[in-house]
């Protein structure tokens, strides 16, 4: 088997002018082995030029990716600064909403997402979104995770959340239905309406909130920019 791969490696090098790395990937062999197998093969001028073009194309792509990464990181930093500026106004609803998100929200890069079983908490969170962040209903999606062996139908559970959150049914994503676990059947722990997840897919808003959290608390979280 190794002898066959050696023969094929030499053919790929001599006839096609492939790089050592390309041969390694194609044959799934170690670079050290391929280097030894093909070290006596002289590439033509055309083959050398082709490899040089591939090398420059790869470097350009890598440099372009790094440039884009820096660009988008700077945009996120600017969005966080907007949140910091808003925090300096000391608006009570903005403070409470950001602190709620710090404790309960998902620290994503591009999505403002919070899930809970407490409808009152989620209603307050929506008030924060609408009044402090000026979020419109058409920007919001929500998803229900519930159980249907607790005396309520899926339709009844969905109607409950739609009414409580004052959101149109069009905002509702497909409900996830599971059997109720024993932990939720214990006294005082019955989640009759399951949990609800509210999401706004906006890099600007999530970075605004993350920036505000840092301003309010006096902490520095550079990893939230990554």
N, C-alpha and C. Protein backbone atom coordinates (compact mmCIF):
# COMPACT_ATOMS: atom_id res chain seq x y z
N UNK A 1 0.83 -1.20 0.00
CA UNK A 1 0.00 0.00 0.00
C UNK A 1 0.87 1.25 0.00
N UNK A 2 1.90 1.29 0.86
CA UNK A 2 2.77 2.44 0.93
C UNK A 2 3.52 2.63 -0.38
N UNK A 3 3.89 1.50 -1.00
CA UNK A 3 4.60 1.56 -2.28
C UNK A 3 3.69 2.15 -3.36
N UNK A 4 2.42 1.79 -3.34
CA UNK A 4 1.46 2.31 -4.31
C UNK A 4 1.30 3.82 -4.13
N UNK A 5 1.25 4.27 -2.90
CA UNK A 5 1.10 5.69 -2.64
C UNK A 5 2.35 6.46 -3.06
N UNK A 6 3.50 5.82 -2.89
CA UNK A 6 4.75 6.47 -3.31
C UNK A 6 4.75 6.66 -4.83
N UNK A 7 4.32 5.64 -5.55
CA UNK A 7 4.27 5.73 -7.01
C UNK A 7 3.30 6.81 -7.45
N UNK A 8 2.13 6.86 -6.79
CA UNK A 8 1.12 7.85 -7.14
C UNK A 8 1.58 9.26 -6.78
N UNK A 9 2.29 9.39 -5.66
CA UNK A 9 2.81 10.69 -5.26
C UNK A 9 3.79 11.23 -6.29
N UNK A 10 4.65 10.37 -6.78
CA UNK A 10 5.63 10.79 -7.78
C UNK A 10 4.93 11.18 -9.09
N UNK A 11 3.87 10.44 -9.44
CA UNK A 11 3.14 10.77 -10.67
C UNK A 11 2.46 12.14 -10.53
N UNK A 12 1.83 12.39 -9.39
CA UNK A 12 1.14 13.66 -9.18
C UNK A 12 2.10 14.84 -9.19
N UNK A 13 3.30 14.57 -8.69
CA UNK A 13 4.31 15.63 -8.67
C UNK A 13 4.88 15.89 -10.06
N UNK A 14 5.22 14.81 -10.73
CA UNK A 14 5.91 14.96 -12.02
C UNK A 14 4.97 15.35 -13.15
N UNK A 15 3.79 14.71 -13.23
CA UNK A 15 2.87 14.96 -14.34
C UNK A 15 1.98 16.18 -14.12
N UNK A 16 1.51 16.36 -12.89
CA UNK A 16 0.55 17.43 -12.62
C UNK A 16 1.18 18.63 -11.91
N UNK A 17 2.38 18.44 -11.38
CA UNK A 17 3.06 19.53 -10.70
C UNK A 17 2.38 19.96 -9.41
N UNK A 18 1.73 19.01 -8.71
CA UNK A 18 1.06 19.35 -7.47
C UNK A 18 2.07 19.68 -6.37
N UNK A 19 1.64 20.52 -5.44
CA UNK A 19 2.50 20.83 -4.30
C UNK A 19 2.53 19.64 -3.35
N UNK A 20 3.50 19.66 -2.45
CA UNK A 20 3.62 18.57 -1.48
C UNK A 20 2.38 18.51 -0.59
N UNK A 21 1.88 19.67 -0.18
CA UNK A 21 0.68 19.70 0.66
C UNK A 21 -0.53 19.12 -0.07
N UNK A 22 -0.66 19.44 -1.35
CA UNK A 22 -1.77 18.90 -2.13
C UNK A 22 -1.70 17.38 -2.23
N UNK A 23 -0.50 16.88 -2.44
CA UNK A 23 -0.32 15.43 -2.53
C UNK A 23 -0.64 14.76 -1.20
N UNK A 24 -0.21 15.38 -0.11
CA UNK A 24 -0.49 14.84 1.23
C UNK A 24 -1.99 14.70 1.46
N UNK A 25 -2.73 15.74 1.10
CA UNK A 25 -4.18 15.71 1.30
C UNK A 25 -4.85 14.68 0.40
N UNK A 26 -4.41 14.59 -0.83
CA UNK A 26 -5.03 13.69 -1.79
C UNK A 26 -4.78 12.23 -1.44
N UNK A 27 -3.60 11.93 -0.95
CA UNK A 27 -3.24 10.53 -0.66
C UNK A 27 -3.35 10.19 0.83
N UNK A 28 -3.59 11.22 1.66
CA UNK A 28 -3.69 11.01 3.10
C UNK A 28 -2.42 10.37 3.68
N UNK A 29 -1.31 11.00 3.38
CA UNK A 29 -0.02 10.53 3.90
C UNK A 29 0.72 11.70 4.53
N UNK A 30 1.72 11.40 5.33
CA UNK A 30 2.48 12.43 6.04
C UNK A 30 3.32 13.26 5.09
N UNK A 31 3.48 14.51 5.43
CA UNK A 31 4.27 15.42 4.60
C UNK A 31 5.73 14.96 4.54
N UNK A 32 6.22 14.42 5.63
CA UNK A 32 7.62 13.96 5.66
C UNK A 32 7.84 12.84 4.65
N UNK A 33 6.85 11.96 4.49
CA UNK A 33 6.99 10.86 3.53
C UNK A 33 6.98 11.37 2.10
N UNK A 34 6.03 12.26 1.80
CA UNK A 34 5.92 12.79 0.44
C UNK A 34 7.18 13.56 0.07
N UNK A 35 7.73 14.32 1.01
CA UNK A 35 8.94 15.10 0.73
C UNK A 35 10.09 14.20 0.30
N UNK A 36 10.22 13.06 0.96
CA UNK A 36 11.28 12.13 0.62
C UNK A 36 11.01 11.49 -0.74
N UNK A 37 9.76 11.12 -0.99
CA UNK A 37 9.42 10.40 -2.22
C UNK A 37 9.67 11.25 -3.47
N UNK A 38 9.44 12.54 -3.38
CA UNK A 38 9.46 13.37 -4.60
C UNK A 38 10.62 14.35 -4.65
N UNK A 39 11.58 14.25 -3.73
CA UNK A 39 12.61 15.29 -3.62
C UNK A 39 13.55 15.34 -4.83
N UNK A 40 13.60 14.28 -5.60
CA UNK A 40 14.49 14.28 -6.76
C UNK A 40 13.80 14.73 -8.04
N UNK A 41 12.49 15.01 -7.97
CA UNK A 41 11.73 15.39 -9.16
C UNK A 41 11.86 16.89 -9.41
N UNK A 42 12.26 17.25 -10.60
CA UNK A 42 12.41 18.65 -10.98
C UNK A 42 11.13 19.13 -11.68
N UNK A 43 10.54 20.19 -11.17
CA UNK A 43 9.34 20.75 -11.80
C UNK A 43 9.71 21.59 -13.01
N UNK A 44 8.81 21.63 -13.98
CA UNK A 44 9.02 22.49 -15.15
C UNK A 44 8.77 23.94 -14.75
N UNK A 45 9.19 24.86 -15.60
CA UNK A 45 8.96 26.28 -15.33
C UNK A 45 7.47 26.59 -15.23
N UNK A 46 6.67 25.97 -16.08
CA UNK A 46 5.22 26.19 -16.05
C UNK A 46 4.62 25.69 -14.74
N UNK A 47 5.08 24.54 -14.28
CA UNK A 47 4.58 23.99 -13.01
C UNK A 47 4.95 24.89 -11.84
N UNK A 48 6.18 25.41 -11.88
CA UNK A 48 6.61 26.31 -10.81
C UNK A 48 5.76 27.58 -10.79
N UNK A 49 5.47 28.13 -11.96
CA UNK A 49 4.66 29.34 -12.05
C UNK A 49 3.24 29.09 -11.53
N UNK A 50 2.71 27.91 -11.85
CA UNK A 50 1.35 27.57 -11.39
C UNK A 50 1.31 27.48 -9.87
N UNK A 51 2.33 26.88 -9.26
CA UNK A 51 2.38 26.78 -7.80
C UNK A 51 2.52 28.15 -7.16
N UNK A 52 3.30 29.02 -7.80
CA UNK A 52 3.47 30.38 -7.27
C UNK A 52 2.15 31.14 -7.29
N UNK A 53 1.38 30.98 -8.37
CA UNK A 53 0.08 31.63 -8.46
C UNK A 53 -0.86 31.12 -7.36
N UNK A 54 -0.85 29.82 -7.12
CA UNK A 54 -1.69 29.25 -6.07
C UNK A 54 -1.30 29.81 -4.71
N UNK A 55 0.01 29.95 -4.50
CA UNK A 55 0.51 30.46 -3.23
C UNK A 55 0.04 31.89 -3.00
N UNK A 56 0.17 32.73 -4.02
CA UNK A 56 -0.23 34.13 -3.87
C UNK A 56 -1.74 34.26 -3.70
N UNK A 57 -2.49 33.40 -4.40
CA UNK A 57 -3.96 33.43 -4.27
C UNK A 57 -4.37 33.06 -2.85
N UNK A 58 -3.69 32.05 -2.29
CA UNK A 58 -3.99 31.63 -0.92
C UNK A 58 -3.67 32.74 0.08
N UNK A 59 -2.51 33.38 -0.11
CA UNK A 59 -2.11 34.46 0.80
C UNK A 59 -3.08 35.63 0.71
N UNK A 60 -3.52 35.95 -0.51
CA UNK A 60 -4.46 37.05 -0.69
C UNK A 60 -5.79 36.75 -0.01
N UNK A 61 -6.24 35.50 -0.14
CA UNK A 61 -7.49 35.10 0.49
C UNK A 61 -7.37 35.18 2.01
N UNK A 62 -6.25 34.71 2.54
CA UNK A 62 -6.04 34.75 3.99
C UNK A 62 -5.98 36.19 4.49
N UNK A 63 -5.26 37.04 3.75
CA UNK A 63 -5.16 38.45 4.15
C UNK A 63 -6.52 39.14 4.07
N UNK A 64 -7.30 38.79 3.03
CA UNK A 64 -8.64 39.37 2.89
C UNK A 64 -9.54 38.95 4.03
N UNK A 65 -9.44 37.69 4.45
CA UNK A 65 -10.24 37.22 5.58
C UNK A 65 -9.88 37.94 6.86
N UNK A 66 -8.59 38.16 7.07
CA UNK A 66 -8.15 38.86 8.28
C UNK A 66 -8.62 40.31 8.26
N UNK A 67 -8.58 40.92 7.08
CA UNK A 67 -9.04 42.31 6.95
C UNK A 67 -10.53 42.42 7.26
N UNK A 68 -11.32 41.49 6.73
CA UNK A 68 -12.76 41.50 7.01
C UNK A 68 -13.04 41.27 8.48
N UNK A 69 -12.27 40.38 9.10
CA UNK A 69 -12.47 40.11 10.53
C UNK A 69 -12.23 41.37 11.35
N UNK A 70 -11.17 42.12 11.02
CA UNK A 70 -10.88 43.37 11.73
C UNK A 70 -11.98 44.40 11.47
N UNK A 71 -12.46 44.45 10.24
CA UNK A 71 -13.50 45.40 9.87
C UNK A 71 -14.77 45.16 10.69
N UNK A 72 -15.23 43.91 10.74
CA UNK A 72 -16.47 43.61 11.44
C UNK A 72 -16.30 43.70 12.96
N UNK A 73 -15.10 43.43 13.44
CA UNK A 73 -14.84 43.62 14.87
C UNK A 73 -14.95 45.09 15.25
N UNK A 74 -14.46 45.97 14.39
CA UNK A 74 -14.56 47.40 14.64
C UNK A 74 -16.01 47.86 14.62
N UNK A 75 -16.81 47.30 13.72
CA UNK A 75 -18.23 47.63 13.68
C UNK A 75 -18.91 47.21 14.98
N UNK A 76 -18.57 46.02 15.48
CA UNK A 76 -19.16 45.57 16.75
C UNK A 76 -18.71 46.47 17.89
N UNK A 77 -17.47 46.93 17.85
CA UNK A 77 -16.98 47.84 18.88
C UNK A 77 -17.78 49.14 18.87
N UNK A 78 -18.08 49.64 17.68
CA UNK A 78 -18.87 50.87 17.58
C UNK A 78 -20.28 50.68 18.13
N UNK A 79 -20.87 49.51 17.87
CA UNK A 79 -22.20 49.23 18.41
C UNK A 79 -22.16 49.15 19.94
N UNK A 80 -21.08 48.56 20.48
CA UNK A 80 -20.95 48.51 21.93
C UNK A 80 -20.80 49.91 22.51
N UNK A 81 -20.10 50.77 21.80
CA UNK A 81 -19.94 52.15 22.27
C UNK A 81 -21.29 52.87 22.30
N UNK A 82 -22.17 52.58 21.34
CA UNK A 82 -23.51 53.15 21.37
C UNK A 82 -24.23 52.72 22.65
N UNK A 83 -24.07 51.46 23.03
CA UNK A 83 -24.68 50.97 24.26
C UNK A 83 -24.09 51.65 25.49
N UNK A 84 -22.80 51.88 25.48
CA UNK A 84 -22.14 52.56 26.60
C UNK A 84 -22.66 54.00 26.74
N UNK A 85 -22.83 54.66 25.61
CA UNK A 85 -23.33 56.04 25.65
C UNK A 85 -24.75 56.07 26.21
N UNK A 86 -25.59 55.13 25.76
CA UNK A 86 -26.96 55.03 26.28
C UNK A 86 -26.95 54.76 27.78
N UNK A 87 -26.01 53.95 28.24
CA UNK A 87 -25.94 53.61 29.66
C UNK A 87 -25.63 54.83 30.52
N UNK A 88 -24.90 55.78 29.97
CA UNK A 88 -24.52 56.97 30.74
C UNK A 88 -25.71 57.89 31.00
N UNK A 89 -26.83 57.64 30.32
CA UNK A 89 -28.04 58.42 30.56
C UNK A 89 -28.79 57.93 31.81
N UNK A 90 -28.42 56.75 32.30
CA UNK A 90 -28.99 56.17 33.53
C UNK A 90 -30.51 56.06 33.47
N UNK A 91 -31.01 55.56 32.35
CA UNK A 91 -32.43 55.29 32.21
C UNK A 91 -32.77 54.00 32.95
N UNK A 92 -33.74 54.05 33.84
CA UNK A 92 -34.02 52.91 34.72
C UNK A 92 -34.46 51.67 33.95
N UNK A 93 -35.30 51.85 32.92
CA UNK A 93 -35.76 50.70 32.14
C UNK A 93 -34.59 50.08 31.38
N UNK A 94 -33.73 50.91 30.83
CA UNK A 94 -32.56 50.41 30.11
C UNK A 94 -31.64 49.66 31.05
N UNK A 95 -31.43 50.19 32.24
CA UNK A 95 -30.59 49.51 33.23
C UNK A 95 -31.15 48.14 33.56
N UNK A 96 -32.46 48.11 33.91
CA UNK A 96 -33.08 46.85 34.32
C UNK A 96 -33.07 45.84 33.19
N UNK A 97 -33.36 46.29 31.96
CA UNK A 97 -33.38 45.37 30.83
C UNK A 97 -32.02 44.78 30.53
N UNK A 98 -30.99 45.61 30.57
CA UNK A 98 -29.63 45.12 30.30
C UNK A 98 -29.17 44.15 31.40
N UNK A 99 -29.49 44.47 32.65
CA UNK A 99 -29.11 43.57 33.73
C UNK A 99 -29.86 42.25 33.66
N UNK A 100 -31.13 42.31 33.25
CA UNK A 100 -31.89 41.09 33.05
C UNK A 100 -31.24 40.24 31.96
N UNK A 101 -30.83 40.89 30.89
CA UNK A 101 -30.22 40.14 29.81
C UNK A 101 -28.87 39.56 30.23
N UNK A 102 -28.13 40.28 31.04
CA UNK A 102 -26.85 39.76 31.53
C UNK A 102 -27.06 38.46 32.30
N UNK A 103 -28.13 38.40 33.08
CA UNK A 103 -28.38 37.20 33.87
C UNK A 103 -29.03 36.07 33.10
N UNK A 104 -29.91 36.40 32.16
CA UNK A 104 -30.73 35.37 31.52
C UNK A 104 -30.49 35.20 30.02
N UNK A 105 -29.88 36.18 29.37
CA UNK A 105 -29.77 36.15 27.92
C UNK A 105 -28.59 35.35 27.41
N UNK A 106 -28.65 35.05 26.12
CA UNK A 106 -27.57 34.35 25.43
C UNK A 106 -26.55 35.35 24.93
N UNK A 107 -25.28 35.14 25.27
CA UNK A 107 -24.22 36.08 24.88
C UNK A 107 -23.73 35.74 23.47
N UNK A 108 -24.62 35.91 22.51
CA UNK A 108 -24.29 35.63 21.12
C UNK A 108 -23.63 36.85 20.49
N UNK A 109 -23.11 36.70 19.30
CA UNK A 109 -22.49 37.82 18.60
C UNK A 109 -23.52 38.59 17.78
N UNK A 110 -24.53 37.88 17.25
CA UNK A 110 -25.43 38.50 16.29
C UNK A 110 -26.92 38.39 16.65
N UNK A 111 -27.24 37.81 17.78
CA UNK A 111 -28.65 37.60 18.11
C UNK A 111 -28.92 37.91 19.57
N UNK A 112 -29.99 38.67 19.80
CA UNK A 112 -30.43 39.02 21.15
C UNK A 112 -31.49 37.99 21.53
N UNK A 113 -31.12 37.00 22.33
CA UNK A 113 -32.01 35.86 22.61
C UNK A 113 -32.12 35.61 24.11
N UNK A 114 -33.36 35.48 24.58
CA UNK A 114 -33.60 35.22 26.00
C UNK A 114 -34.77 34.26 26.13
N UNK A 115 -34.63 33.25 26.97
CA UNK A 115 -35.68 32.25 27.18
C UNK A 115 -36.01 32.14 28.65
N UNK A 116 -37.30 31.94 28.96
CA UNK A 116 -37.72 31.80 30.35
C UNK A 116 -39.12 31.21 30.39
N UNK A 117 -39.50 30.69 31.55
CA UNK A 117 -40.86 30.17 31.72
C UNK A 117 -41.78 31.19 32.37
N UNK A 118 -41.22 32.29 32.89
CA UNK A 118 -41.99 33.32 33.59
C UNK A 118 -42.53 34.33 32.58
N UNK A 119 -43.82 34.30 32.33
CA UNK A 119 -44.40 35.20 31.34
C UNK A 119 -44.28 36.66 31.75
N UNK A 120 -44.34 36.96 33.07
CA UNK A 120 -44.21 38.34 33.54
C UNK A 120 -42.81 38.86 33.23
N UNK A 121 -41.80 38.02 33.44
CA UNK A 121 -40.42 38.41 33.13
C UNK A 121 -40.27 38.71 31.64
N UNK A 122 -40.86 37.85 30.80
CA UNK A 122 -40.73 38.04 29.36
C UNK A 122 -41.51 39.26 28.89
N UNK A 123 -42.63 39.57 29.54
CA UNK A 123 -43.38 40.78 29.19
C UNK A 123 -42.57 42.02 29.53
N UNK A 124 -41.90 41.99 30.67
CA UNK A 124 -41.04 43.12 31.02
C UNK A 124 -39.89 43.24 30.04
N UNK A 125 -39.31 42.11 29.65
CA UNK A 125 -38.22 42.12 28.69
C UNK A 125 -38.67 42.73 27.36
N UNK A 126 -39.87 42.41 26.93
CA UNK A 126 -40.40 42.98 25.71
C UNK A 126 -40.61 44.49 25.84
N UNK A 127 -41.02 44.94 27.01
CA UNK A 127 -41.17 46.38 27.23
C UNK A 127 -39.82 47.07 27.08
N UNK A 128 -38.78 46.45 27.61
CA UNK A 128 -37.42 46.98 27.45
C UNK A 128 -37.04 47.04 25.98
N UNK A 129 -37.31 45.97 25.23
CA UNK A 129 -36.97 45.94 23.81
C UNK A 129 -37.70 47.04 23.05
N UNK A 130 -38.98 47.18 23.33
CA UNK A 130 -39.81 48.12 22.57
C UNK A 130 -39.53 49.57 22.94
N UNK A 131 -39.36 49.84 24.21
CA UNK A 131 -39.23 51.23 24.64
C UNK A 131 -37.79 51.72 24.67
N UNK A 132 -36.86 50.88 25.09
CA UNK A 132 -35.47 51.30 25.20
C UNK A 132 -34.68 51.08 23.91
N UNK A 133 -34.99 49.99 23.20
CA UNK A 133 -34.25 49.66 22.00
C UNK A 133 -35.05 49.90 20.72
N UNK A 134 -36.31 50.34 20.87
CA UNK A 134 -37.16 50.69 19.74
C UNK A 134 -37.36 49.52 18.78
N UNK A 135 -37.49 48.33 19.32
CA UNK A 135 -37.70 47.13 18.50
C UNK A 135 -39.17 47.05 18.10
N UNK A 136 -39.41 46.74 16.83
CA UNK A 136 -40.76 46.57 16.32
C UNK A 136 -41.13 45.08 16.31
N UNK A 137 -42.44 44.79 16.32
CA UNK A 137 -42.89 43.40 16.34
C UNK A 137 -42.35 42.59 15.17
N UNK A 138 -42.21 43.23 14.00
CA UNK A 138 -41.75 42.46 12.85
C UNK A 138 -40.27 42.08 12.94
N UNK A 139 -39.58 42.57 13.96
CA UNK A 139 -38.19 42.18 14.19
C UNK A 139 -38.07 41.01 15.17
N UNK A 140 -39.18 40.68 15.80
CA UNK A 140 -39.17 39.70 16.89
C UNK A 140 -39.68 38.35 16.42
N UNK A 141 -39.00 37.30 16.85
CA UNK A 141 -39.53 35.94 16.72
C UNK A 141 -39.55 35.31 18.10
N UNK A 142 -40.50 34.41 18.31
CA UNK A 142 -40.50 33.69 19.58
C UNK A 142 -40.84 32.22 19.34
N UNK A 143 -40.32 31.39 20.22
CA UNK A 143 -40.44 29.94 20.07
C UNK A 143 -40.81 29.35 21.41
N UNK A 144 -41.74 28.40 21.39
CA UNK A 144 -42.25 27.79 22.61
C UNK A 144 -41.70 26.37 22.73
N UNK A 145 -41.23 26.02 23.91
CA UNK A 145 -40.84 24.65 24.24
C UNK A 145 -41.78 24.18 25.34
N UNK A 146 -42.62 23.18 25.05
CA UNK A 146 -43.66 22.83 26.02
C UNK A 146 -43.89 21.32 26.07
N UNK A 147 -44.77 20.92 27.02
CA UNK A 147 -45.18 19.54 27.19
C UNK A 147 -46.69 19.48 26.99
N UNK A 148 -47.17 18.39 26.44
CA UNK A 148 -48.61 18.30 26.17
C UNK A 148 -49.31 17.23 27.01
N UNK A 149 -48.65 16.69 28.02
CA UNK A 149 -49.31 15.72 28.90
C UNK A 149 -49.64 16.36 30.24
N UNK A 150 -49.96 17.66 30.21
CA UNK A 150 -50.25 18.38 31.45
C UNK A 150 -51.67 18.96 31.45
N UNK A 151 -52.51 18.46 30.55
CA UNK A 151 -53.90 18.91 30.51
C UNK A 151 -54.17 20.03 29.54
N UNK A 152 -53.16 20.56 28.88
CA UNK A 152 -53.33 21.64 27.92
C UNK A 152 -52.88 21.17 26.54
N UNK A 153 -53.58 21.64 25.53
CA UNK A 153 -53.20 21.31 24.16
C UNK A 153 -52.12 22.27 23.68
N UNK A 154 -51.47 21.91 22.60
CA UNK A 154 -50.46 22.80 22.02
C UNK A 154 -51.09 24.13 21.62
N UNK A 155 -52.28 24.08 21.06
CA UNK A 155 -52.96 25.31 20.63
C UNK A 155 -53.25 26.22 21.82
N UNK A 156 -53.65 25.64 22.95
CA UNK A 156 -53.93 26.45 24.14
C UNK A 156 -52.66 27.10 24.69
N UNK A 157 -51.57 26.36 24.65
CA UNK A 157 -50.29 26.90 25.13
C UNK A 157 -49.82 28.03 24.23
N UNK A 158 -49.92 27.83 22.92
CA UNK A 158 -49.51 28.87 21.99
C UNK A 158 -50.37 30.13 22.14
N UNK A 159 -51.69 29.94 22.32
CA UNK A 159 -52.59 31.08 22.49
C UNK A 159 -52.25 31.86 23.76
N UNK A 160 -51.85 31.14 24.80
CA UNK A 160 -51.47 31.79 26.05
C UNK A 160 -50.29 32.74 25.83
N UNK A 161 -49.25 32.24 25.17
CA UNK A 161 -48.06 33.07 24.97
C UNK A 161 -48.33 34.22 24.01
N UNK A 162 -49.09 33.97 22.98
CA UNK A 162 -49.43 35.04 22.03
C UNK A 162 -50.17 36.17 22.74
N UNK A 163 -51.11 35.80 23.61
CA UNK A 163 -51.88 36.82 24.34
C UNK A 163 -51.02 37.54 25.37
N UNK A 164 -50.20 36.79 26.11
CA UNK A 164 -49.38 37.39 27.16
C UNK A 164 -48.34 38.35 26.56
N UNK A 165 -47.71 37.95 25.48
CA UNK A 165 -46.63 38.74 24.90
C UNK A 165 -47.12 39.82 23.96
N UNK A 166 -48.40 39.73 23.61
CA UNK A 166 -48.97 40.71 22.67
C UNK A 166 -48.17 40.75 21.37
N UNK A 167 -47.94 39.57 20.85
CA UNK A 167 -47.21 39.43 19.58
C UNK A 167 -48.11 38.72 18.57
N UNK A 168 -48.04 39.10 17.30
CA UNK A 168 -48.85 38.41 16.29
C UNK A 168 -48.37 36.98 16.09
N UNK A 169 -49.30 36.14 15.66
CA UNK A 169 -48.97 34.73 15.47
C UNK A 169 -47.87 34.55 14.43
N UNK A 170 -47.72 35.50 13.51
CA UNK A 170 -46.69 35.41 12.48
C UNK A 170 -45.28 35.41 13.07
N UNK A 171 -45.15 35.91 14.28
CA UNK A 171 -43.84 35.94 14.95
C UNK A 171 -43.47 34.60 15.56
N UNK A 172 -44.44 33.69 15.65
CA UNK A 172 -44.23 32.41 16.33
C UNK A 172 -43.54 31.41 15.42
N UNK A 173 -42.41 30.89 15.90
CA UNK A 173 -41.70 29.81 15.21
C UNK A 173 -42.34 28.47 15.59
N UNK A 174 -41.95 27.41 14.91
CA UNK A 174 -42.51 26.09 15.18
C UNK A 174 -42.28 25.68 16.63
N UNK A 175 -43.35 25.29 17.30
CA UNK A 175 -43.29 24.91 18.71
C UNK A 175 -42.61 23.55 18.87
N UNK A 176 -41.75 23.46 19.88
CA UNK A 176 -41.09 22.19 20.21
C UNK A 176 -41.87 21.52 21.33
N UNK A 177 -42.41 20.33 21.06
CA UNK A 177 -43.26 19.62 22.01
C UNK A 177 -42.56 18.37 22.48
N UNK A 178 -42.46 18.19 23.82
CA UNK A 178 -41.85 17.00 24.41
C UNK A 178 -42.73 16.47 25.52
N UNK A 179 -42.43 15.27 25.97
CA UNK A 179 -43.11 14.72 27.13
C UNK A 179 -42.60 15.42 28.38
N UNK A 180 -43.50 15.62 29.33
CA UNK A 180 -43.12 16.34 30.55
C UNK A 180 -42.18 15.49 31.42
N UNK A 181 -41.01 16.03 31.80
CA UNK A 181 -40.08 15.26 32.64
C UNK A 181 -40.59 15.18 34.07
N UNK A 182 -40.07 14.20 34.81
CA UNK A 182 -40.50 14.02 36.19
C UNK A 182 -40.23 15.25 37.04
N UNK A 183 -39.12 15.94 36.77
CA UNK A 183 -38.77 17.12 37.57
C UNK A 183 -39.85 18.18 37.48
N UNK A 184 -40.53 18.27 36.34
CA UNK A 184 -41.57 19.28 36.18
C UNK A 184 -42.91 18.81 36.72
N UNK A 185 -43.00 17.55 37.10
CA UNK A 185 -44.24 17.02 37.66
C UNK A 185 -44.25 17.13 39.19
N UNK A 186 -43.12 17.55 39.76
CA UNK A 186 -43.05 17.70 41.20
C UNK A 186 -43.90 18.88 41.65
N UNK A 187 -44.37 18.84 42.87
CA UNK A 187 -45.22 19.90 43.40
C UNK A 187 -44.52 21.25 43.30
N UNK A 188 -45.24 22.23 42.75
CA UNK A 188 -44.69 23.58 42.65
C UNK A 188 -43.75 23.77 41.47
N UNK A 189 -43.57 22.76 40.65
CA UNK A 189 -42.62 22.88 39.54
C UNK A 189 -43.26 22.52 38.20
N UNK A 190 -44.58 22.64 38.12
CA UNK A 190 -45.26 22.28 36.89
C UNK A 190 -45.23 23.46 35.92
N UNK A 191 -44.55 23.27 34.82
CA UNK A 191 -44.48 24.31 33.80
C UNK A 191 -45.62 24.07 32.81
N UNK A 192 -46.82 24.50 33.19
CA UNK A 192 -47.98 24.23 32.37
C UNK A 192 -47.84 24.79 30.96
N UNK A 193 -47.18 25.94 30.84
CA UNK A 193 -47.06 26.60 29.54
C UNK A 193 -45.64 26.48 28.97
N UNK A 194 -44.84 25.64 29.58
CA UNK A 194 -43.49 25.44 29.08
C UNK A 194 -42.63 26.69 29.20
N UNK A 195 -41.69 26.83 28.30
CA UNK A 195 -40.83 28.01 28.27
C UNK A 195 -40.95 28.68 26.90
N UNK A 196 -40.58 29.95 26.88
CA UNK A 196 -40.67 30.71 25.63
C UNK A 196 -39.34 31.42 25.39
N UNK A 197 -38.88 31.38 24.17
CA UNK A 197 -37.62 32.02 23.78
C UNK A 197 -37.93 33.16 22.82
N UNK A 198 -37.46 34.36 23.18
CA UNK A 198 -37.64 35.55 22.35
C UNK A 198 -36.31 35.89 21.70
N UNK A 199 -36.33 36.14 20.39
CA UNK A 199 -35.08 36.41 19.68
C UNK A 199 -35.24 37.58 18.72
N UNK A 200 -34.20 38.41 18.66
CA UNK A 200 -34.08 39.46 17.65
C UNK A 200 -32.72 39.28 17.00
N UNK A 201 -32.71 39.02 15.72
CA UNK A 201 -31.44 38.78 15.02
C UNK A 201 -30.88 40.12 14.55
N UNK A 202 -30.05 40.72 15.39
CA UNK A 202 -29.48 42.03 15.10
C UNK A 202 -28.14 42.16 15.79
N UNK A 203 -27.08 42.25 15.00
CA UNK A 203 -25.75 42.45 15.57
C UNK A 203 -25.70 43.76 16.35
N UNK A 204 -26.32 44.78 15.80
CA UNK A 204 -26.28 46.10 16.43
C UNK A 204 -26.90 46.06 17.83
N UNK A 205 -28.06 45.43 17.96
CA UNK A 205 -28.75 45.44 19.25
C UNK A 205 -28.04 44.58 20.30
N UNK A 206 -27.58 43.39 19.92
CA UNK A 206 -26.90 42.56 20.92
C UNK A 206 -25.61 43.23 21.36
N UNK A 207 -24.87 43.84 20.44
CA UNK A 207 -23.63 44.51 20.83
C UNK A 207 -23.92 45.77 21.64
N UNK A 208 -25.02 46.46 21.35
CA UNK A 208 -25.45 47.60 22.16
C UNK A 208 -25.64 47.16 23.61
N UNK A 209 -26.38 46.08 23.80
CA UNK A 209 -26.65 45.59 25.16
C UNK A 209 -25.37 45.15 25.85
N UNK A 210 -24.51 44.44 25.13
CA UNK A 210 -23.25 43.98 25.74
C UNK A 210 -22.36 45.15 26.13
N UNK A 211 -22.35 46.20 25.29
CA UNK A 211 -21.59 47.39 25.64
C UNK A 211 -22.16 48.08 26.86
N UNK A 212 -23.50 48.18 26.94
CA UNK A 212 -24.16 48.82 28.08
C UNK A 212 -23.89 48.06 29.38
N UNK A 213 -23.93 46.73 29.30
CA UNK A 213 -23.67 45.91 30.49
C UNK A 213 -22.28 46.24 31.05
N UNK A 214 -21.29 46.33 30.17
CA UNK A 214 -19.94 46.64 30.61
C UNK A 214 -19.85 48.03 31.22
N UNK A 215 -20.58 48.98 30.65
CA UNK A 215 -20.57 50.34 31.18
C UNK A 215 -21.24 50.39 32.55
N UNK A 216 -22.36 49.73 32.69
CA UNK A 216 -23.09 49.74 33.96
C UNK A 216 -22.30 49.08 35.09
N UNK A 217 -21.62 48.00 34.76
CA UNK A 217 -20.97 47.20 35.80
C UNK A 217 -19.50 47.52 36.00
N UNK A 218 -18.92 48.30 35.08
CA UNK A 218 -17.52 48.63 35.21
C UNK A 218 -16.58 47.48 34.89
N UNK A 219 -17.08 46.50 34.13
CA UNK A 219 -16.24 45.37 33.75
C UNK A 219 -15.78 45.54 32.31
N UNK A 220 -14.82 44.73 31.90
CA UNK A 220 -14.33 44.75 30.53
C UNK A 220 -14.32 43.33 30.00
N UNK A 221 -15.09 43.10 28.95
CA UNK A 221 -15.21 41.76 28.37
C UNK A 221 -14.79 41.80 26.90
N UNK A 222 -13.50 41.85 26.60
CA UNK A 222 -13.05 41.90 25.20
C UNK A 222 -13.51 40.68 24.40
N UNK A 223 -13.75 39.56 25.08
CA UNK A 223 -14.18 38.34 24.34
C UNK A 223 -15.57 38.52 23.76
N UNK A 224 -16.35 39.49 24.25
CA UNK A 224 -17.68 39.74 23.67
C UNK A 224 -17.59 40.40 22.30
N UNK A 225 -16.39 40.86 21.93
CA UNK A 225 -16.20 41.44 20.61
C UNK A 225 -15.76 40.42 19.58
N UNK A 226 -15.31 39.27 20.03
CA UNK A 226 -14.71 38.29 19.13
C UNK A 226 -15.76 37.65 18.22
